[in-house]
């Protein structure tokens, strides 16, 4: 992948995303159906994946290998996303005097 590519740029079709992640297209669709992925949809309904989506697929694979089921993975990812959001909000706050 090119480093100049924006992380949220939805440029990869399902077959390319499958090749880059090692996950077959049917599983990518299943992850979407379970709410684990939300790829961009073109006006014609074609899925387009970003580098962030591909990284999420890799996180899903790591959690599957650790023994979690898809429902558990959904909870873990939701908690990780919430934690990332809270960290970003804290980083934007001015320092508090002690």
PDB file of N, CA and C in Angstrom:
ATOM      1  N   UNK A   1       0.834  -1.179   0.000  1.00  0.00           N
ATOM      2  CA  UNK A   1       0.000   0.000   0.000  1.00  0.00           C
ATOM      3  C   UNK A   1       0.882   1.246   0.000  1.00  0.00           C
ATOM      4  N   UNK A   2       0.430   2.252  -0.697  1.00  0.00           N
ATOM      5  CA  UNK A   2       1.181   3.490  -0.778  1.00  0.00           C
ATOM      6  C   UNK A   2       0.959   4.314   0.473  1.00  0.00           C
ATOM      7  N   UNK A   3       2.037   4.916   0.975  1.00  0.00           N
ATOM      8  CA  UNK A   3       1.917   5.718   2.191  1.00  0.00           C
ATOM      9  C   UNK A   3       1.144   7.006   1.961  1.00  0.00           C
ATOM     10  N   UNK A   4       1.080   7.485   0.711  1.00  0.00           N
ATOM     11  CA  UNK A   4       0.369   8.723   0.435  1.00  0.00           C
ATOM     12  C   UNK A   4      -1.147   8.538   0.444  1.00  0.00           C
ATOM     13  N   UNK A   5      -1.594   7.291   0.480  1.00  0.00           N
ATOM     14  CA  UNK A   5      -3.019   6.995   0.489  1.00  0.00           C
ATOM     15  C   UNK A   5      -3.625   7.408   1.826  1.00  0.00           C
ATOM     16  N   UNK A   6      -4.707   8.168   1.774  1.00  0.00           N
ATOM     17  CA  UNK A   6      -5.375   8.580   3.004  1.00  0.00           C
ATOM     18  C   UNK A   6      -6.010   7.370   3.663  1.00  0.00           C
ATOM     19  N   UNK A   7      -5.913   7.247   5.000  1.00  0.00           N
ATOM     20  CA  UNK A   7      -6.437   6.064   5.689  1.00  0.00           C
ATOM     21  C   UNK A   7      -7.925   5.826   5.495  1.00  0.00           C
ATOM     22  N   UNK A   8      -8.686   6.892   5.270  1.00  0.00           N
ATOM     23  CA  UNK A   8     -10.133   6.748   5.106  1.00  0.00           C
ATOM     24  C   UNK A   8     -10.573   6.722   3.652  1.00  0.00           C
ATOM     25  N   UNK A   9      -9.620   6.797   2.719  1.00  0.00           N
ATOM     26  CA  UNK A   9      -9.967   6.791   1.301  1.00  0.00           C
ATOM     27  C   UNK A   9     -10.437   5.396   0.899  1.00  0.00           C
ATOM     28  N   UNK A  10     -11.678   5.303   0.481  1.00  0.00           N
ATOM     29  CA  UNK A  10     -12.271   4.014   0.123  1.00  0.00           C
ATOM     30  C   UNK A  10     -11.946   3.717  -1.335  1.00  0.00           C
ATOM     31  N   UNK A  11     -10.885   2.954  -1.543  1.00  0.00           N
ATOM     32  CA  UNK A  11     -10.404   2.725  -2.903  1.00  0.00           C
ATOM     33  C   UNK A  11     -10.318   1.265  -3.311  1.00  0.00           C
ATOM     34  N   UNK A  12     -10.350   0.342  -2.362  1.00  0.00           N
ATOM     35  CA  UNK A  12     -10.142  -1.065  -2.663  1.00  0.00           C
ATOM     36  C   UNK A  12     -11.468  -1.788  -2.838  1.00  0.00           C
ATOM     37  N   UNK A  13     -11.617  -2.495  -3.944  1.00  0.00           N
ATOM     38  CA  UNK A  13     -12.778  -3.346  -4.143  1.00  0.00           C
ATOM     39  C   UNK A  13     -12.669  -4.564  -3.244  1.00  0.00           C
ATOM     40  N   UNK A  14     -13.735  -5.349  -3.182  1.00  0.00           N
ATOM     41  CA  UNK A  14     -13.780  -6.488  -2.273  1.00  0.00           C
ATOM     42  C   UNK A  14     -12.704  -7.522  -2.608  1.00  0.00           C
ATOM     43  N   UNK A  15     -12.450  -7.770  -3.879  1.00  0.00           N
ATOM     44  CA  UNK A  15     -11.446  -8.787  -4.223  1.00  0.00           C
ATOM     45  C   UNK A  15     -10.042  -8.322  -3.862  1.00  0.00           C
ATOM     46  N   UNK A  16      -9.755  -7.039  -4.025  1.00  0.00           N
ATOM     47  CA  UNK A  16      -8.440  -6.507  -3.644  1.00  0.00           C
ATOM     48  C   UNK A  16      -8.307  -6.507  -2.125  1.00  0.00           C
ATOM     49  N   UNK A  17      -9.352  -6.100  -1.417  1.00  0.00           N
ATOM     50  CA  UNK A  17      -9.328  -6.125   0.048  1.00  0.00           C
ATOM     51  C   UNK A  17      -9.107  -7.546   0.552  1.00  0.00           C
ATOM     52  N   UNK A  18      -9.744  -8.503  -0.085  1.00  0.00           N
ATOM     53  CA  UNK A  18      -9.571  -9.910   0.300  1.00  0.00           C
ATOM     54  C   UNK A  18      -8.123 -10.344   0.090  1.00  0.00           C
ATOM     55  N   UNK A  19      -7.558  -9.966  -1.033  1.00  0.00           N
ATOM     56  CA  UNK A  19      -6.166 -10.345  -1.313  1.00  0.00           C
ATOM     57  C   UNK A  19      -5.196  -9.689  -0.336  1.00  0.00           C
ATOM     58  N   UNK A  20      -5.419  -8.431  -0.025  1.00  0.00           N
ATOM     59  CA  UNK A  20      -4.518  -7.705   0.874  1.00  0.00           C
ATOM     60  C   UNK A  20      -4.591  -8.193   2.323  1.00  0.00           C
ATOM     61  N   UNK A  21      -5.750  -8.708   2.726  1.00  0.00           N
ATOM     62  CA  UNK A  21      -5.918  -9.149   4.116  1.00  0.00           C
ATOM     63  C   UNK A  21      -5.836 -10.662   4.288  1.00  0.00           C
ATOM     64  N   UNK A  22      -5.956 -11.400   3.199  1.00  0.00           N
ATOM     65  CA  UNK A  22      -5.966 -12.853   3.301  1.00  0.00           C
ATOM     66  C   UNK A  22      -7.303 -13.418   3.754  1.00  0.00           C
ATOM     67  N   UNK A  23      -8.329 -12.584   3.721  1.00  0.00           N
ATOM     68  CA  UNK A  23      -9.680 -12.979   4.134  1.00  0.00           C
ATOM     69  C   UNK A  23     -10.540 -13.057   2.883  1.00  0.00           C
ATOM     70  N   UNK A  24     -11.275 -14.144   2.709  1.00  0.00           N
ATOM     71  CA  UNK A  24     -12.044 -14.274   1.472  1.00  0.00           C
ATOM     72  C   UNK A  24     -13.217 -13.286   1.435  1.00  0.00           C
ATOM     73  N   UNK A  25     -13.669 -12.935   0.228  1.00  0.00           N
ATOM     74  CA  UNK A  25     -14.735 -11.936   0.095  1.00  0.00           C
ATOM     75  C   UNK A  25     -16.008 -12.282   0.867  1.00  0.00           C
ATOM     76  N   UNK A  26     -16.343 -13.573   0.953  1.00  0.00           N
ATOM     77  CA  UNK A  26     -17.550 -13.957   1.692  1.00  0.00           C
ATOM     78  C   UNK A  26     -17.430 -13.585   3.171  1.00  0.00           C
ATOM     79  N   UNK A  27     -16.230 -13.754   3.730  1.00  0.00           N
ATOM     80  CA  UNK A  27     -16.031 -13.393   5.138  1.00  0.00           C
ATOM     81  C   UNK A  27     -16.080 -11.880   5.317  1.00  0.00           C
ATOM     82  N   UNK A  28     -15.553 -11.128   4.363  1.00  0.00           N
ATOM     83  CA  UNK A  28     -15.656  -9.670   4.447  1.00  0.00           C
ATOM     84  C   UNK A  28     -17.120  -9.248   4.473  1.00  0.00           C
ATOM     85  N   UNK A  29     -17.913  -9.893   3.650  1.00  0.00           N
ATOM     86  CA  UNK A  29     -19.353  -9.592   3.641  1.00  0.00           C
ATOM     87  C   UNK A  29     -20.015 -10.012   4.960  1.00  0.00           C
ATOM     88  N   UNK A  30     -19.565 -11.128   5.510  1.00  0.00           N
ATOM     89  CA  UNK A  30     -20.113 -11.591   6.796  1.00  0.00           C
ATOM     90  C   UNK A  30     -19.747 -10.619   7.916  1.00  0.00           C
ATOM     91  N   UNK A  31     -18.528 -10.112   7.900  1.00  0.00           N
ATOM     92  CA  UNK A  31     -18.117  -9.127   8.914  1.00  0.00           C
ATOM     93  C   UNK A  31     -18.986  -7.880   8.810  1.00  0.00           C
ATOM     94  N   UNK A  32     -19.300  -7.480   7.594  1.00  0.00           N
ATOM     95  CA  UNK A  32     -20.179  -6.333   7.403  1.00  0.00           C
ATOM     96  C   UNK A  32     -21.575  -6.640   7.938  1.00  0.00           C
ATOM     97  N   UNK A  33     -22.084  -7.819   7.632  1.00  0.00           N
ATOM     98  CA  UNK A  33     -23.425  -8.205   8.087  1.00  0.00           C
ATOM     99  C   UNK A  33     -23.515  -8.229   9.610  1.00  0.00           C
ATOM    100  N   UNK A  34     -22.415  -8.573  10.286  1.00  0.00           N
ATOM    101  CA  UNK A  34     -22.383  -8.615  11.751  1.00  0.00           C
ATOM    102  C   UNK A  34     -22.097  -7.247  12.369  1.00  0.00           C
ATOM    103  N   UNK A  35     -21.892  -6.228  11.529  1.00  0.00           N
ATOM    104  CA  UNK A  35     -21.648  -4.883  12.043  1.00  0.00           C
ATOM    105  C   UNK A  35     -20.203  -4.618  12.425  1.00  0.00           C
ATOM    106  N   UNK A  36     -19.290  -5.462  11.973  1.00  0.00           N
ATOM    107  CA  UNK A  36     -17.874  -5.277  12.291  1.00  0.00           C
ATOM    108  C   UNK A  36     -17.170  -4.348  11.317  1.00  0.00           C
ATOM    109  N   UNK A  37     -17.688  -4.228  10.123  1.00  0.00           N
ATOM    110  CA  UNK A  37     -17.132  -3.373   9.074  1.00  0.00           C
ATOM    111  C   UNK A  37     -18.240  -2.552   8.451  1.00  0.00           C
ATOM    112  N   UNK A  38     -17.890  -1.362   8.011  1.00  0.00           N
ATOM    113  CA  UNK A  38     -18.840  -0.534   7.264  1.00  0.00           C
ATOM    114  C   UNK A  38     -18.118   0.054   6.061  1.00  0.00           C
ATOM    115  N   UNK A  39     -17.875  -0.764   5.035  1.00  0.00           N
ATOM    116  CA  UNK A  39     -17.199  -0.215   3.863  1.00  0.00           C
ATOM    117  C   UNK A  39     -18.076   0.823   3.170  1.00  0.00           C
ATOM    118  N   UNK A  40     -17.420   1.729   2.479  1.00  0.00           N
ATOM    119  CA  UNK A  40     -18.124   2.730   1.687  1.00  0.00           C
ATOM    120  C   UNK A  40     -18.873   2.025   0.570  1.00  0.00           C
ATOM    121  N   UNK A  41     -20.033   2.539   0.218  1.00  0.00           N
ATOM    122  CA  UNK A  41     -20.797   1.999  -0.912  1.00  0.00           C
ATOM    123  C   UNK A  41     -20.873   3.072  -1.996  1.00  0.00           C
ATOM    124  N   UNK A  42     -20.549   2.680  -3.207  1.00  0.00           N
ATOM    125  CA  UNK A  42     -20.686   3.592  -4.334  1.00  0.00           C
ATOM    126  C   UNK A  42     -22.164   3.789  -4.641  1.00  0.00           C
ATOM    127  N   UNK A  43     -22.459   4.696  -5.553  1.00  0.00           N
ATOM    128  CA  UNK A  43     -23.852   4.931  -5.950  1.00  0.00           C
ATOM    129  C   UNK A  43     -24.486   3.651  -6.484  1.00  0.00           C
ATOM    130  N   UNK A  44     -23.687   2.791  -7.094  1.00  0.00           N
ATOM    131  CA  UNK A  44     -24.192   1.530  -7.615  1.00  0.00           C
ATOM    132  C   UNK A  44     -24.210   0.407  -6.593  1.00  0.00           C
ATOM    133  N   UNK A  45     -23.784   0.684  -5.357  1.00  0.00           N
ATOM    134  CA  UNK A  45     -23.821  -0.305  -4.293  1.00  0.00           C
ATOM    135  C   UNK A  45     -22.554  -1.133  -4.129  1.00  0.00           C
ATOM    136  N   UNK A  46     -21.519  -0.831  -4.906  1.00  0.00           N
ATOM    137  CA  UNK A  46     -20.267  -1.575  -4.807  1.00  0.00           C
ATOM    138  C   UNK A  46     -19.520  -1.199  -3.533  1.00  0.00           C
ATOM    139  N   UNK A  47     -18.997  -2.201  -2.844  1.00  0.00           N
ATOM    140  CA  UNK A  47     -18.228  -1.954  -1.629  1.00  0.00           C
ATOM    141  C   UNK A  47     -16.847  -1.431  -1.997  1.00  0.00           C
ATOM    142  N   UNK A  48     -16.387  -0.450  -1.226  1.00  0.00           N
ATOM    143  CA  UNK A  48     -15.034   0.073  -1.362  1.00  0.00           C
ATOM    144  C   UNK A  48     -14.438   0.155   0.042  1.00  0.00           C
ATOM    145  N   UNK A  49     -13.259  -0.431   0.198  1.00  0.00           N
ATOM    146  CA  UNK A  49     -12.599  -0.513   1.493  1.00  0.00           C
ATOM    147  C   UNK A  49     -11.434   0.478   1.567  1.00  0.00           C
ATOM    148  N   UNK A  50     -11.227   1.050   2.734  1.00  0.00           N
ATOM    149  CA  UNK A  50     -10.110   1.963   2.985  1.00  0.00           C
ATOM    150  C   UNK A  50      -8.986   1.202   3.697  1.00  0.00           C
ATOM    151  N   UNK A  51      -7.845   1.855   3.847  1.00  0.00           N
ATOM    152  CA  UNK A  51      -6.767   1.224   4.617  1.00  0.00           C
ATOM    153  C   UNK A  51      -7.195   1.033   6.067  1.00  0.00           C
ATOM    154  N   UNK A  52      -8.024   1.928   6.592  1.00  0.00           N
ATOM    155  CA  UNK A  52      -8.551   1.740   7.953  1.00  0.00           C
ATOM    156  C   UNK A  52      -9.421   0.489   8.030  1.00  0.00           C
ATOM    157  N   UNK A  53     -10.227   0.257   6.998  1.00  0.00           N
ATOM    158  CA  UNK A  53     -11.050  -0.960   6.958  1.00  0.00           C
ATOM    159  C   UNK A  53     -10.168  -2.203   6.937  1.00  0.00           C
ATOM    160  N   UNK A  54      -9.097  -2.164   6.144  1.00  0.00           N
ATOM    161  CA  UNK A  54      -8.196  -3.310   6.058  1.00  0.00           C
ATOM    162  C   UNK A  54      -7.523  -3.572   7.403  1.00  0.00           C
ATOM    163  N   UNK A  55      -7.166  -2.505   8.101  1.00  0.00           N
ATOM    164  CA  UNK A  55      -6.568  -2.670   9.432  1.00  0.00           C
ATOM    165  C   UNK A  55      -7.586  -3.282  10.396  1.00  0.00           C
ATOM    166  N   UNK A  56      -8.836  -2.887  10.282  1.00  0.00           N
ATOM    167  CA  UNK A  56      -9.886  -3.466  11.130  1.00  0.00           C
ATOM    168  C   UNK A  56     -10.035  -4.959  10.848  1.00  0.00           C
ATOM    169  N   UNK A  57      -9.969  -5.347   9.583  1.00  0.00           N
ATOM    170  CA  UNK A  57     -10.047  -6.771   9.227  1.00  0.00           C
ATOM    171  C   UNK A  57      -8.884  -7.518   9.880  1.00  0.00           C
ATOM    172  N   UNK A  58      -7.707  -6.931   9.864  1.00  0.00           N
ATOM    173  CA  UNK A  58      -6.549  -7.578  10.501  1.00  0.00           C
ATOM    174  C   UNK A  58      -6.768  -7.718  12.009  1.00  0.00           C
ATOM    175  N   UNK A  59      -7.376  -6.705  12.641  1.00  0.00           N
ATOM    176  CA  UNK A  59      -7.692  -6.792  14.073  1.00  0.00           C
ATOM    177  C   UNK A  59      -8.693  -7.913  14.321  1.00  0.00           C
ATOM    178  N   UNK A  60      -9.683  -8.030  13.456  1.00  0.00           N
ATOM    179  CA  UNK A  60     -10.673  -9.100  13.584  1.00  0.00           C
ATOM    180  C   UNK A  60      -9.978 -10.455  13.509  1.00  0.00           C
ATOM    181  N   UNK A  61      -9.064 -10.607  12.578  1.00  0.00           N
ATOM    182  CA  UNK A  61      -8.350 -11.883  12.418  1.00  0.00           C
ATOM    183  C   UNK A  61      -7.539 -12.235  13.658  1.00  0.00           C
ATOM    184  N   UNK A  62      -6.877 -11.247  14.243  1.00  0.00           N
ATOM    185  CA  UNK A  62      -6.096 -11.484  15.466  1.00  0.00           C
ATOM    186  C   UNK A  62      -7.015 -11.946  16.593  1.00  0.00           C
ATOM    187  N   UNK A  63      -8.170 -11.302  16.727  1.00  0.00           N
ATOM    188  CA  UNK A  63      -9.104 -11.668  17.781  1.00  0.00           C
ATOM    189  C   UNK A  63      -9.728 -13.040  17.535  1.00  0.00           C
ATOM    190  N   UNK A  64      -9.986 -13.367  16.275  1.00  0.00           N
ATOM    191  CA  UNK A  64     -10.479 -14.716  15.955  1.00  0.00           C
ATOM    192  C   UNK A  64      -9.449 -15.768  16.336  1.00  0.00           C
ATOM    193  N   UNK A  65      -8.181 -15.493  16.023  1.00  0.00           N
ATOM    194  CA  UNK A  65      -7.112 -16.430  16.372  1.00  0.00           C
ATOM    195  C   UNK A  65      -6.961 -16.587  17.881  1.00  0.00           C
ATOM    196  N   UNK A  66      -7.338 -15.540  18.623  1.00  0.00           N
ATOM    197  CA  UNK A  66      -7.271 -15.596  20.085  1.00  0.00           C
ATOM    198  C   UNK A  66      -8.456 -16.361  20.673  1.00  0.00           C
ATOM    199  N   UNK A  67      -9.418 -16.746  19.825  1.00  0.00           N
ATOM    200  CA  UNK A  67     -10.523 -17.569  20.297  1.00  0.00           C
ATOM    201  C   UNK A  67     -11.838 -16.851  20.497  1.00  0.00           C
ATOM    202  N   UNK A  68     -11.924 -15.560  20.169  1.00  0.00           N
ATOM    203  CA  UNK A  68     -13.186 -14.845  20.328  1.00  0.00           C
ATOM    204  C   UNK A  68     -14.112 -15.159  19.168  1.00  0.00           C
ATOM    205  N   UNK A  69     -15.419 -15.129  19.440  1.00  0.00           N
ATOM    206  CA  UNK A  69     -16.393 -15.256  18.365  1.00  0.00           C
ATOM    207  C   UNK A  69     -16.722 -13.859  17.837  1.00  0.00           C
ATOM    208  N   UNK A  70     -17.490 -13.778  16.757  1.00  0.00           N
ATOM    209  CA  UNK A  70     -17.757 -12.487  16.133  1.00  0.00           C
ATOM    210  C   UNK A  70     -18.509 -11.526  17.050  1.00  0.00           C
ATOM    211  N   UNK A  71     -19.409 -12.044  17.880  1.00  0.00           N
ATOM    212  CA  UNK A  71     -20.126 -11.176  18.828  1.00  0.00           C
ATOM    213  C   UNK A  71     -19.152 -10.578  19.843  1.00  0.00           C
ATOM    214  N   UNK A  72     -18.232 -11.391  20.342  1.00  0.00           N
ATOM    215  CA  UNK A  72     -17.228 -10.888  21.277  1.00  0.00           C
ATOM    216  C   UNK A  72     -16.305  -9.887  20.620  1.00  0.00           C
ATOM    217  N   UNK A  73     -15.944 -10.164  19.384  1.00  0.00           N
ATOM    218  CA  UNK A  73     -15.063  -9.252  18.649  1.00  0.00           C
ATOM    219  C   UNK A  73     -15.745  -7.904  18.451  1.00  0.00           C
ATOM    220  N   UNK A  74     -17.039  -7.926  18.181  1.00  0.00           N
ATOM    221  CA  UNK A  74     -17.772  -6.667  18.010  1.00  0.00           C
ATOM    222  C   UNK A  74     -17.685  -5.821  19.279  1.00  0.00           C
ATOM    223  N   UNK A  75     -17.840  -6.448  20.433  1.00  0.00           N
ATOM    224  CA  UNK A  75     -17.741  -5.708  21.698  1.00  0.00           C
ATOM    225  C   UNK A  75     -16.335  -5.167  21.915  1.00  0.00           C
ATOM    226  N   UNK A  76     -15.330  -5.980  21.649  1.00  0.00           N
ATOM    227  CA  UNK A  76     -13.939  -5.550  21.826  1.00  0.00           C
ATOM    228  C   UNK A  76     -13.644  -4.359  20.924  1.00  0.00           C
ATOM    229  N   UNK A  77     -14.035  -4.441  19.670  1.00  0.00           N
ATOM    230  CA  UNK A  77     -13.759  -3.354  18.726  1.00  0.00           C
ATOM    231  C   UNK A  77     -14.504  -2.086  19.122  1.00  0.00           C
ATOM    232  N   UNK A  78     -15.750  -2.227  19.563  1.00  0.00           N
ATOM    233  CA  UNK A  78     -16.503  -1.051  20.021  1.00  0.00           C
ATOM    234  C   UNK A  78     -15.806  -0.387  21.204  1.00  0.00           C
ATOM    235  N   UNK A  79     -15.313  -1.191  22.140  1.00  0.00           N
ATOM    236  CA  UNK A  79     -14.595  -0.641  23.298  1.00  0.00           C
ATOM    237  C   UNK A  79     -13.279   0.008  22.877  1.00  0.00           C
ATOM    238  N   UNK A  80     -12.570  -0.625  21.942  1.00  0.00           N
ATOM    239  CA  UNK A  80     -11.316  -0.040  21.451  1.00  0.00           C
ATOM    240  C   UNK A  80     -11.583   1.289  20.750  1.00  0.00           C
ATOM    241  N   UNK A  81     -12.624   1.346  19.939  1.00  0.00           N
ATOM    242  CA  UNK A  81     -12.971   2.585  19.240  1.00  0.00           C
ATOM    243  C   UNK A  81     -13.341   3.687  20.231  1.00  0.00           C
ATOM    244  N   UNK A  82     -14.103   3.323  21.258  1.00  0.00           N
ATOM    245  CA  UNK A  82     -14.491   4.307  22.279  1.00  0.00           C
ATOM    246  C   UNK A  82     -13.264   4.806  23.037  1.00  0.00           C
ATOM    247  N   UNK A  83     -12.369   3.913  23.359  1.00  0.00           N
ATOM    248  CA  UNK A  83     -11.135   4.291  24.051  1.00  0.00           C
ATOM    249  C   UNK A  83     -10.307   5.235  23.191  1.00  0.00           C
ATOM    250  N   UNK A  84     -10.174   4.930  21.908  1.00  0.00           N
ATOM    251  CA  UNK A  84      -9.428   5.801  20.992  1.00  0.00           C
ATOM    252  C   UNK A  84     -10.049   7.189  20.927  1.00  0.00           C
ATOM    253  N   UNK A  85     -11.373   7.245  20.876  1.00  0.00           N
ATOM    254  CA  UNK A  85     -12.082   8.528  20.828  1.00  0.00           C
ATOM    255  C   UNK A  85     -11.838   9.329  22.101  1.00  0.00           C
ATOM    256  N   UNK A  86     -11.938   8.669  23.244  1.00  0.00           N
ATOM    257  CA  UNK A  86     -11.715   9.358  24.522  1.00  0.00           C
ATOM    258  C   UNK A  86     -10.276   9.855  24.642  1.00  0.00           C
ATOM    259  N   UNK A  87      -9.325   9.055  24.192  1.00  0.00           N
ATOM    260  CA  UNK A  87      -7.920   9.486  24.218  1.00  0.00           C
ATOM    261  C   UNK A  87      -7.705  10.716  23.346  1.00  0.00           C
ATOM    262  N   UNK A  88      -8.336  10.734  22.174  1.00  0.00           N
ATOM    263  CA  UNK A  88      -8.214  11.880  21.283  1.00  0.00           C
ATOM    264  C   UNK A  88      -8.820  13.130  21.926  1.00  0.00           C
ATOM    265  N   UNK A  89      -9.968  12.961  22.600  1.00  0.00           N
ATOM    266  CA  UNK A  89     -10.596  14.091  23.282  1.00  0.00           C
ATOM    267  C   UNK A  89      -9.714  14.607  24.410  1.00  0.00           C
ATOM    268  N   UNK A  90      -9.108  13.704  25.159  1.00  0.00           N
ATOM    269  CA  UNK A  90      -8.215  14.119  26.244  1.00  0.00           C
ATOM    270  C   UNK A  90      -6.988  14.844  25.714  1.00  0.00           C
ATOM    271  N   UNK A  91      -6.472  14.398  24.601  1.00  0.00           N
ATOM    272  CA  UNK A  91      -5.287  15.025  24.020  1.00  0.00           C
ATOM    273  C   UNK A  91      -5.572  16.449  23.559  1.00  0.00           C
ATOM    274  N   UNK A  92      -6.824  16.744  23.218  1.00  0.00           N
ATOM    275  CA  UNK A  92      -7.206  18.076  22.756  1.00  0.00           C
ATOM    276  C   UNK A  92      -7.468  19.058  23.898  1.00  0.00           C
ATOM    277  N   UNK A  93      -7.661  18.540  25.094  1.00  0.00           N
ATOM    278  CA  UNK A  93      -7.956  19.409  26.239  1.00  0.00           C
ATOM    279  C   UNK A  93      -6.690  20.134  26.690  1.00  0.00           C
ATOM    280  N   UNK A  94      -6.874  21.375  27.139  1.00  0.00           N
ATOM    281  CA  UNK A  94      -5.696  22.065  27.698  1.00  0.00           C
ATOM    282  C   UNK A  94      -5.284  21.402  29.009  1.00  0.00           C
ATOM    283  N   UNK A  95      -4.015  21.486  29.294  1.00  0.00           N
ATOM    284  CA  UNK A  95      -3.494  20.880  30.520  1.00  0.00           C
ATOM    285  C   UNK A  95      -4.128  21.544  31.736  1.00  0.00           C
ATOM    286  N   UNK A  96      -4.496  20.746  32.727  1.00  0.00           N
ATOM    287  CA  UNK A  96      -5.102  21.239  33.959  1.00  0.00           C
ATOM    288  C   UNK A  96      -3.998  21.495  34.985  1.00  0.00           C
ATOM    289  N   UNK A  97      -4.020  22.671  35.639  1.00  0.00           N
ATOM    290  CA  UNK A  97      -3.020  22.912  36.696  1.00  0.00           C
ATOM    291  C   UNK A  97      -3.280  21.993  37.885  1.00  0.00           C
ATOM    292  N   UNK A  98      -2.214  21.600  38.526  1.00  0.00           N
ATOM    293  CA  UNK A  98      -2.348  20.706  39.679  1.00  0.00           C
ATOM    294  C   UNK A  98      -2.334  21.439  40.968  1.00  0.00           C
TER     295      UNK A  98
END
